[in-house]
């Protein structure tokens, strides 16, 4: 990718209801800006460069926008730490 993407890093999480009645989590890392369509479809969007929560809506949970970036990042870093560390480099 070109140099215009060097300063853009996003963690995007989408939730979908599966046949068991629980939610599946699809995690995507993107160097492209998050548009309004992707933002609307996503449950969680983190800006990894500016360290801010752009959206945080977890289905079936009381967790909503307003949660600190560090808390959300730590949660995903436990599961996807190596992948996140390589992506942010």
Protein backbone atom coordinates (compact mmCIF):
# COMPACT_ATOMS: atom_id res chain seq x y z
CA UNK A 1 0.00 0.00 0.00
CA UNK A 2 1.05 3.55 -0.56
CA UNK A 3 2.47 5.88 2.04
CA UNK A 4 -0.90 7.55 2.60
CA UNK A 5 -1.92 4.47 4.63
CA UNK A 6 1.16 4.50 6.90
CA UNK A 7 -0.62 6.43 9.65
CA UNK A 8 -3.98 4.63 9.46
CA UNK A 9 -4.62 1.47 11.46
CA UNK A 10 -8.07 0.26 12.51
CA UNK A 11 -9.37 -2.75 14.42
CA UNK A 12 -12.90 -3.56 13.25
CA UNK A 13 -15.09 -6.15 14.96
CA UNK A 14 -18.40 -7.36 13.58
CA UNK A 15 -20.85 -9.55 15.47
CA UNK A 16 -23.30 -11.97 13.89
CA UNK A 17 -25.86 -14.23 15.52
CA UNK A 18 -25.18 -17.91 14.82
CA UNK A 19 -27.56 -20.90 14.80
CA UNK A 20 -26.81 -21.70 18.47
CA UNK A 21 -28.13 -18.31 19.52
CA UNK A 22 -24.72 -16.94 20.44
CA UNK A 23 -22.65 -14.33 18.66
CA UNK A 24 -19.69 -14.94 16.38
CA UNK A 25 -16.96 -12.34 16.31
CA UNK A 26 -15.25 -11.39 13.04
CA UNK A 27 -12.10 -9.32 13.54
CA UNK A 28 -10.61 -7.27 10.72
CA UNK A 29 -7.50 -5.12 10.65
CA UNK A 30 -7.54 -2.33 8.08
CA UNK A 31 -5.15 0.32 6.85
CA UNK A 32 -7.92 2.09 4.97
CA UNK A 33 -10.21 4.70 6.48
CA UNK A 34 -13.45 3.39 7.92
CA UNK A 35 -16.40 4.69 5.95
CA UNK A 36 -19.90 5.29 7.24
CA UNK A 37 -21.17 1.96 5.84
CA UNK A 38 -18.52 -0.13 7.55
CA UNK A 39 -18.92 1.89 10.73
CA UNK A 40 -22.67 1.21 10.74
CA UNK A 41 -22.19 -2.55 10.23
CA UNK A 42 -19.49 -2.92 12.89
CA UNK A 43 -19.85 -3.42 16.60
CA UNK A 44 -16.42 -2.14 17.59
CA UNK A 45 -14.04 0.14 15.73
CA UNK A 46 -10.72 1.21 17.26
CA UNK A 47 -8.30 3.72 15.79
CA UNK A 48 -4.99 2.08 16.74
CA UNK A 49 -2.83 5.08 15.78
CA UNK A 50 -4.75 7.83 17.60
CA UNK A 51 -5.78 5.40 20.36
CA UNK A 52 -9.47 6.16 20.36
CA UNK A 53 -12.74 4.25 20.29
CA UNK A 54 -14.75 5.21 17.22
CA UNK A 55 -17.60 2.82 18.04
CA UNK A 56 -18.31 0.29 20.78
CA UNK A 57 -21.63 -1.57 20.71
CA UNK A 58 -21.50 -5.20 21.84
CA UNK A 59 -24.77 -7.14 21.30
CA UNK A 60 -26.25 -8.62 24.45
CA UNK A 61 -24.01 -6.54 26.69
CA UNK A 62 -24.18 -3.30 28.63
CA UNK A 63 -20.88 -2.22 27.06
CA UNK A 64 -21.53 0.81 24.89
CA UNK A 65 -19.74 3.92 23.65
CA UNK A 66 -17.81 5.78 26.33
CA UNK A 67 -15.62 2.88 27.47
CA UNK A 68 -11.91 3.83 27.62
CA UNK A 69 -9.73 2.84 24.66
CA UNK A 70 -7.25 1.03 26.93
CA UNK A 71 -9.92 -1.34 28.27
CA UNK A 72 -11.16 -2.34 24.80
CA UNK A 73 -7.64 -2.66 23.41
CA UNK A 74 -6.47 -4.84 26.32
CA UNK A 75 -9.45 -7.16 25.83
CA UNK A 76 -8.61 -7.78 22.18
CA UNK A 77 -4.86 -7.83 22.81
CA UNK A 78 -5.33 -10.90 25.06
CA UNK A 79 -6.75 -12.88 22.15
CA UNK A 80 -5.04 -11.27 19.17
CA UNK A 81 -1.86 -9.81 20.69
CA UNK A 82 0.71 -11.09 18.18
CA UNK A 83 -1.44 -10.10 15.23
CA UNK A 84 -2.08 -6.59 16.62
CA UNK A 85 1.59 -6.03 17.48
CA UNK A 86 2.71 -6.94 13.96
CA UNK A 87 -0.01 -4.83 12.37
CA UNK A 88 0.77 -1.67 14.31
CA UNK A 89 4.55 -1.82 13.58
